[in-house]
Amino acid sequence: YGLQTSRGFRALKIWMALKEHGVEKFGRLIDQNIAQARYLAGLIEAEPALELMAPTTINIVSFRHRLDDGSEERLKAFNTEIMLRLQEEGIAALSDTTVHGRHCLRVAIANHRTRR
């Protein structure tokens, strides 16, 4: 509820965007994000120092940097440091997660302005 003591119409923004641009355009943007995620997954698979943690079927890519002598604890600390540096330097806004009990980095491509 707002100051007017009524509920806000939060869906109005989406409804107006759909009316202006159409469902097809939003579908193309979603397809573009999924294609970019698959492209990133391909780059990760081609890099021996990186490990893809799960199949990329939507716009989310989970991966981690490998270490030759890395315990799970060391891998988590190392990948967390990578994530923090990328965030602090404004290079990427990735997060971390756990896949099958293993810590990894997570990229969710959701911005229509994201480019390869």
N, C-alpha and C. Protein backbone atom coordinates (compact mmCIF):
# COMPACT_ATOMS: atom_id res chain seq x y z
N TYR A 1 0.82 -1.18 0.00
CA TYR A 1 0.00 0.00 0.00
C TYR A 1 0.87 1.25 0.00
N GLY A 2 0.43 2.25 -0.68
CA GLY A 2 1.16 3.50 -0.75
C GLY A 2 0.49 4.58 0.08
N LEU A 3 0.92 5.82 -0.10
CA LEU A 3 0.33 6.95 0.62
C LEU A 3 -1.15 7.11 0.31
N GLN A 4 -1.55 6.67 -0.89
CA GLN A 4 -2.95 6.80 -1.27
C GLN A 4 -3.80 5.72 -0.63
N THR A 5 -3.21 4.88 0.21
CA THR A 5 -3.86 3.74 0.87
C THR A 5 -4.48 2.77 -0.13
N SER A 6 -3.83 2.66 -1.27
CA SER A 6 -4.24 1.66 -2.26
C SER A 6 -2.99 0.95 -2.76
N ARG A 7 -3.20 -0.19 -3.35
CA ARG A 7 -2.07 -0.96 -3.86
C ARG A 7 -1.51 -0.31 -5.12
N GLY A 8 -0.19 -0.39 -5.26
CA GLY A 8 0.45 0.12 -6.46
C GLY A 8 0.21 -0.81 -7.64
N PHE A 9 0.13 -0.28 -8.82
CA PHE A 9 -0.09 -1.06 -10.03
C PHE A 9 1.27 -1.35 -10.67
N ARG A 10 2.02 -2.26 -10.04
CA ARG A 10 3.38 -2.54 -10.50
C ARG A 10 3.41 -3.22 -11.87
N ALA A 11 2.36 -3.90 -12.22
CA ALA A 11 2.33 -4.59 -13.51
C ALA A 11 2.14 -3.62 -14.68
N LEU A 12 1.80 -2.38 -14.40
CA LEU A 12 1.55 -1.42 -15.47
C LEU A 12 2.77 -1.25 -16.36
N LYS A 13 3.97 -1.19 -15.79
CA LYS A 13 5.19 -1.02 -16.59
C LYS A 13 5.35 -2.15 -17.59
N ILE A 14 5.13 -3.36 -17.14
CA ILE A 14 5.28 -4.52 -18.03
C ILE A 14 4.18 -4.52 -19.09
N TRP A 15 2.98 -4.25 -18.66
CA TRP A 15 1.85 -4.23 -19.59
C TRP A 15 2.08 -3.20 -20.69
N MET A 16 2.54 -2.00 -20.30
CA MET A 16 2.79 -0.94 -21.28
C MET A 16 3.93 -1.33 -22.23
N ALA A 17 4.98 -1.93 -21.69
CA ALA A 17 6.10 -2.36 -22.54
C ALA A 17 5.63 -3.43 -23.54
N LEU A 18 4.81 -4.36 -23.08
CA LEU A 18 4.29 -5.39 -23.99
C LEU A 18 3.40 -4.77 -25.06
N LYS A 19 2.58 -3.80 -24.69
CA LYS A 19 1.72 -3.14 -25.66
C LYS A 19 2.55 -2.35 -26.69
N GLU A 20 3.62 -1.71 -26.23
CA GLU A 20 4.44 -0.89 -27.12
C GLU A 20 5.32 -1.73 -28.04
N HIS A 21 5.98 -2.74 -27.48
CA HIS A 21 6.99 -3.49 -28.24
C HIS A 21 6.51 -4.85 -28.73
N GLY A 22 5.54 -5.44 -28.08
CA GLY A 22 5.01 -6.72 -28.50
C GLY A 22 5.74 -7.90 -27.87
N VAL A 23 5.02 -9.00 -27.79
CA VAL A 23 5.56 -10.22 -27.18
C VAL A 23 6.74 -10.76 -27.99
N GLU A 24 6.67 -10.63 -29.31
CA GLU A 24 7.73 -11.17 -30.16
C GLU A 24 9.08 -10.54 -29.86
N LYS A 25 9.09 -9.24 -29.64
CA LYS A 25 10.36 -8.56 -29.34
C LYS A 25 10.94 -9.06 -28.02
N PHE A 26 10.10 -9.21 -27.01
CA PHE A 26 10.59 -9.73 -25.74
C PHE A 26 11.11 -11.16 -25.90
N GLY A 27 10.43 -11.95 -26.73
CA GLY A 27 10.90 -13.30 -27.01
C GLY A 27 12.26 -13.30 -27.67
N ARG A 28 12.47 -12.39 -28.63
CA ARG A 28 13.77 -12.29 -29.30
C ARG A 28 14.87 -11.90 -28.31
N LEU A 29 14.56 -10.99 -27.39
CA LEU A 29 15.55 -10.58 -26.39
C LEU A 29 15.91 -11.73 -25.45
N ILE A 30 14.93 -12.51 -25.07
CA ILE A 30 15.20 -13.68 -24.22
C ILE A 30 16.06 -14.68 -24.98
N ASP A 31 15.71 -14.94 -26.25
CA ASP A 31 16.52 -15.85 -27.08
C ASP A 31 17.95 -15.35 -27.21
N GLN A 32 18.11 -14.02 -27.36
CA GLN A 32 19.45 -13.43 -27.47
C GLN A 32 20.25 -13.67 -26.19
N ASN A 33 19.63 -13.50 -25.04
CA ASN A 33 20.32 -13.75 -23.77
C ASN A 33 20.73 -15.21 -23.62
N ILE A 34 19.87 -16.12 -24.03
CA ILE A 34 20.20 -17.54 -23.95
C ILE A 34 21.34 -17.87 -24.90
N ALA A 35 21.33 -17.30 -26.10
CA ALA A 35 22.42 -17.52 -27.06
C ALA A 35 23.74 -16.99 -26.51
N GLN A 36 23.72 -15.84 -25.85
CA GLN A 36 24.94 -15.30 -25.26
C GLN A 36 25.45 -16.19 -24.12
N ALA A 37 24.54 -16.75 -23.35
CA ALA A 37 24.94 -17.66 -22.27
C ALA A 37 25.59 -18.91 -22.86
N ARG A 38 25.04 -19.43 -23.93
CA ARG A 38 25.63 -20.61 -24.58
C ARG A 38 26.99 -20.28 -25.17
N TYR A 39 27.13 -19.09 -25.72
CA TYR A 39 28.42 -18.64 -26.25
C TYR A 39 29.46 -18.60 -25.13
N LEU A 40 29.09 -18.01 -24.00
CA LEU A 40 29.99 -17.96 -22.84
C LEU A 40 30.34 -19.36 -22.36
N ALA A 41 29.36 -20.24 -22.32
CA ALA A 41 29.62 -21.63 -21.91
C ALA A 41 30.63 -22.29 -22.84
N GLY A 42 30.52 -22.01 -24.13
CA GLY A 42 31.49 -22.55 -25.10
C GLY A 42 32.89 -22.04 -24.85
N LEU A 43 33.01 -20.75 -24.54
CA LEU A 43 34.33 -20.19 -24.22
C LEU A 43 34.91 -20.84 -22.96
N ILE A 44 34.07 -21.06 -21.98
CA ILE A 44 34.52 -21.70 -20.73
C ILE A 44 34.98 -23.13 -21.00
N GLU A 45 34.21 -23.87 -21.79
CA GLU A 45 34.58 -25.25 -22.10
C GLU A 45 35.89 -25.33 -22.87
N ALA A 46 36.19 -24.31 -23.66
CA ALA A 46 37.42 -24.30 -24.46
C ALA A 46 38.64 -23.90 -23.64
N GLU A 47 38.44 -23.41 -22.44
CA GLU A 47 39.55 -22.94 -21.59
C GLU A 47 39.85 -23.97 -20.52
N PRO A 48 41.02 -24.63 -20.60
CA PRO A 48 41.35 -25.68 -19.63
C PRO A 48 41.37 -25.22 -18.17
N ALA A 49 41.63 -23.95 -17.92
CA ALA A 49 41.69 -23.45 -16.54
C ALA A 49 40.30 -23.26 -15.93
N LEU A 50 39.26 -23.35 -16.76
CA LEU A 50 37.90 -23.14 -16.27
C LEU A 50 37.10 -24.44 -16.36
N GLU A 51 36.11 -24.55 -15.49
CA GLU A 51 35.27 -25.74 -15.44
C GLU A 51 33.80 -25.32 -15.46
N LEU A 52 33.07 -25.79 -16.46
CA LEU A 52 31.63 -25.55 -16.53
C LEU A 52 30.96 -26.48 -15.53
N MET A 53 30.14 -25.94 -14.65
CA MET A 53 29.59 -26.72 -13.53
C MET A 53 28.24 -27.35 -13.82
N ALA A 54 27.52 -26.85 -14.82
CA ALA A 54 26.20 -27.39 -15.15
C ALA A 54 25.89 -27.05 -16.60
N PRO A 55 25.05 -27.85 -17.24
CA PRO A 55 24.67 -27.53 -18.62
C PRO A 55 23.99 -26.16 -18.68
N THR A 56 24.24 -25.44 -19.77
CA THR A 56 23.65 -24.12 -19.95
C THR A 56 22.42 -24.27 -20.83
N THR A 57 21.25 -24.27 -20.21
CA THR A 57 20.00 -24.44 -20.96
C THR A 57 19.16 -23.17 -20.98
N ILE A 58 19.46 -22.25 -20.06
CA ILE A 58 18.78 -20.96 -20.05
C ILE A 58 19.84 -19.87 -20.05
N ASN A 59 19.58 -18.74 -19.47
CA ASN A 59 20.51 -17.61 -19.52
C ASN A 59 21.51 -17.61 -18.36
N ILE A 60 21.66 -18.72 -17.66
CA ILE A 60 22.55 -18.79 -16.50
C ILE A 60 23.71 -19.73 -16.80
N VAL A 61 24.93 -19.26 -16.48
CA VAL A 61 26.14 -20.05 -16.67
C VAL A 61 26.83 -20.18 -15.31
N SER A 62 27.08 -21.42 -14.90
CA SER A 62 27.77 -21.69 -13.64
C SER A 62 29.12 -22.32 -13.96
N PHE A 63 30.18 -21.73 -13.41
CA PHE A 63 31.53 -22.21 -13.71
C PHE A 63 32.46 -21.85 -12.57
N ARG A 64 33.67 -22.37 -12.65
CA ARG A 64 34.69 -21.97 -11.68
C ARG A 64 36.07 -22.12 -12.30
N HIS A 65 37.00 -21.40 -11.72
CA HIS A 65 38.40 -21.51 -12.11
C HIS A 65 38.98 -22.71 -11.39
N ARG A 66 39.71 -23.53 -12.11
CA ARG A 66 40.32 -24.72 -11.51
C ARG A 66 41.65 -24.36 -10.86
N LEU A 67 42.05 -25.16 -9.92
CA LEU A 67 43.39 -25.09 -9.33
C LEU A 67 43.96 -26.51 -9.33
N ASP A 68 45.23 -26.63 -9.68
CA ASP A 68 45.84 -27.96 -9.75
C ASP A 68 45.83 -28.68 -8.41
N ASP A 69 46.13 -27.95 -7.37
CA ASP A 69 46.21 -28.57 -6.05
C ASP A 69 45.12 -28.03 -5.12
N GLY A 70 43.96 -27.77 -5.68
CA GLY A 70 42.94 -27.08 -4.91
C GLY A 70 41.95 -27.97 -4.19
N SER A 71 41.90 -27.81 -2.89
CA SER A 71 40.82 -28.42 -2.12
C SER A 71 39.57 -27.58 -2.37
N GLU A 72 38.42 -28.09 -1.99
CA GLU A 72 37.18 -27.32 -2.17
C GLU A 72 37.25 -25.98 -1.44
N GLU A 73 37.88 -25.98 -0.27
CA GLU A 73 38.02 -24.74 0.49
C GLU A 73 38.86 -23.71 -0.26
N ARG A 74 39.99 -24.17 -0.81
CA ARG A 74 40.86 -23.27 -1.58
C ARG A 74 40.17 -22.78 -2.85
N LEU A 75 39.47 -23.69 -3.51
CA LEU A 75 38.75 -23.32 -4.73
C LEU A 75 37.70 -22.25 -4.43
N LYS A 76 36.99 -22.42 -3.33
CA LYS A 76 35.96 -21.44 -2.96
C LYS A 76 36.59 -20.08 -2.69
N ALA A 77 37.66 -20.04 -1.94
CA ALA A 77 38.34 -18.78 -1.63
C ALA A 77 38.87 -18.12 -2.90
N PHE A 78 39.48 -18.91 -3.78
CA PHE A 78 40.06 -18.38 -5.01
C PHE A 78 38.97 -17.81 -5.92
N ASN A 79 37.90 -18.55 -6.12
CA ASN A 79 36.83 -18.09 -7.00
C ASN A 79 36.06 -16.92 -6.40
N THR A 80 35.93 -16.89 -5.09
CA THR A 80 35.29 -15.74 -4.44
C THR A 80 36.12 -14.49 -4.67
N GLU A 81 37.43 -14.62 -4.59
CA GLU A 81 38.32 -13.47 -4.84
C GLU A 81 38.17 -12.99 -6.29
N ILE A 82 38.09 -13.91 -7.23
CA ILE A 82 37.87 -13.53 -8.64
C ILE A 82 36.56 -12.75 -8.77
N MET A 83 35.51 -13.27 -8.16
CA MET A 83 34.20 -12.62 -8.22
C MET A 83 34.26 -11.20 -7.66
N LEU A 84 34.87 -11.05 -6.50
CA LEU A 84 34.95 -9.73 -5.85
C LEU A 84 35.75 -8.74 -6.69
N ARG A 85 36.85 -9.20 -7.27
CA ARG A 85 37.66 -8.29 -8.11
C ARG A 85 36.89 -7.85 -9.35
N LEU A 86 36.21 -8.78 -10.00
CA LEU A 86 35.42 -8.42 -11.18
C LEU A 86 34.32 -7.42 -10.83
N GLN A 87 33.70 -7.61 -9.67
CA GLN A 87 32.65 -6.69 -9.23
C GLN A 87 33.23 -5.32 -8.89
N GLU A 88 34.31 -5.30 -8.12
CA GLU A 88 34.92 -4.04 -7.69
C GLU A 88 35.45 -3.22 -8.86
N GLU A 89 35.97 -3.90 -9.88
CA GLU A 89 36.52 -3.20 -11.04
C GLU A 89 35.44 -2.85 -12.07
N GLY A 90 34.21 -3.24 -11.81
CA GLY A 90 33.11 -2.94 -12.71
C GLY A 90 33.14 -3.71 -14.01
N ILE A 91 33.83 -4.83 -14.03
CA ILE A 91 33.95 -5.63 -15.25
C ILE A 91 32.72 -6.50 -15.46
N ALA A 92 32.25 -7.11 -14.39
CA ALA A 92 31.09 -8.00 -14.49
C ALA A 92 30.34 -8.02 -13.16
N ALA A 93 29.05 -8.28 -13.25
CA ALA A 93 28.21 -8.36 -12.04
C ALA A 93 27.78 -9.81 -11.85
N LEU A 94 28.75 -10.67 -11.57
CA LEU A 94 28.41 -12.06 -11.36
C LEU A 94 28.25 -12.34 -9.87
N SER A 95 27.68 -13.48 -9.56
CA SER A 95 27.48 -13.87 -8.17
C SER A 95 28.07 -15.26 -7.98
N ASP A 96 27.89 -15.81 -6.80
CA ASP A 96 28.36 -17.17 -6.57
C ASP A 96 27.19 -18.03 -6.12
N THR A 97 27.37 -19.33 -6.25
CA THR A 97 26.33 -20.28 -5.91
C THR A 97 26.97 -21.63 -5.60
N THR A 98 26.15 -22.61 -5.32
CA THR A 98 26.62 -23.97 -5.08
C THR A 98 25.89 -24.89 -6.04
N VAL A 99 26.64 -25.69 -6.78
CA VAL A 99 26.07 -26.66 -7.71
C VAL A 99 26.60 -28.04 -7.32
N HIS A 100 25.70 -28.95 -7.03
CA HIS A 100 26.07 -30.31 -6.60
C HIS A 100 27.06 -30.28 -5.44
N GLY A 101 26.84 -29.35 -4.51
CA GLY A 101 27.68 -29.26 -3.32
C GLY A 101 29.02 -28.59 -3.54
N ARG A 102 29.24 -28.03 -4.74
CA ARG A 102 30.52 -27.38 -5.04
C ARG A 102 30.29 -25.90 -5.35
N HIS A 103 31.13 -25.07 -4.72
CA HIS A 103 31.04 -23.61 -4.90
C HIS A 103 31.47 -23.24 -6.32
N CYS A 104 30.77 -22.27 -6.91
CA CYS A 104 31.15 -21.81 -8.25
C CYS A 104 30.63 -20.40 -8.47
N LEU A 105 31.01 -19.84 -9.60
CA LEU A 105 30.58 -18.51 -10.01
C LEU A 105 29.35 -18.65 -10.89
N ARG A 106 28.51 -17.63 -10.86
CA ARG A 106 27.24 -17.69 -11.60
C ARG A 106 27.06 -16.39 -12.38
N VAL A 107 26.85 -16.55 -13.68
CA VAL A 107 26.56 -15.41 -14.54
C VAL A 107 25.12 -15.56 -15.03
N ALA A 108 24.31 -14.54 -14.82
CA ALA A 108 22.94 -14.53 -15.32
C ALA A 108 22.83 -13.38 -16.32
N ILE A 109 22.72 -13.73 -17.58
CA ILE A 109 22.66 -12.72 -18.64
C ILE A 109 21.19 -12.32 -18.82
N ALA A 110 20.86 -11.11 -18.38
CA ALA A 110 19.46 -10.67 -18.41
C ALA A 110 19.28 -9.27 -18.97
N ASN A 111 20.36 -8.60 -19.31
CA ASN A 111 20.27 -7.23 -19.81
C ASN A 111 20.28 -7.26 -21.33
N HIS A 112 19.32 -6.62 -21.95
CA HIS A 112 19.23 -6.62 -23.41
C HIS A 112 20.40 -5.88 -24.07
N ARG A 113 21.16 -5.12 -23.30
CA ARG A 113 22.32 -4.41 -23.85
C ARG A 113 23.61 -5.21 -23.75
N THR A 114 23.56 -6.39 -23.16
CA THR A 114 24.76 -7.23 -23.04
C THR A 114 25.21 -7.66 -24.44
N ARG A 115 26.48 -7.52 -24.68
CA ARG A 115 27.06 -7.91 -25.97
C ARG A 115 28.21 -8.87 -25.74
N ARG A 116 28.54 -9.61 -26.79
CA ARG A 116 29.68 -10.52 -26.72
C ARG A 116 30.91 -9.72 -26.51
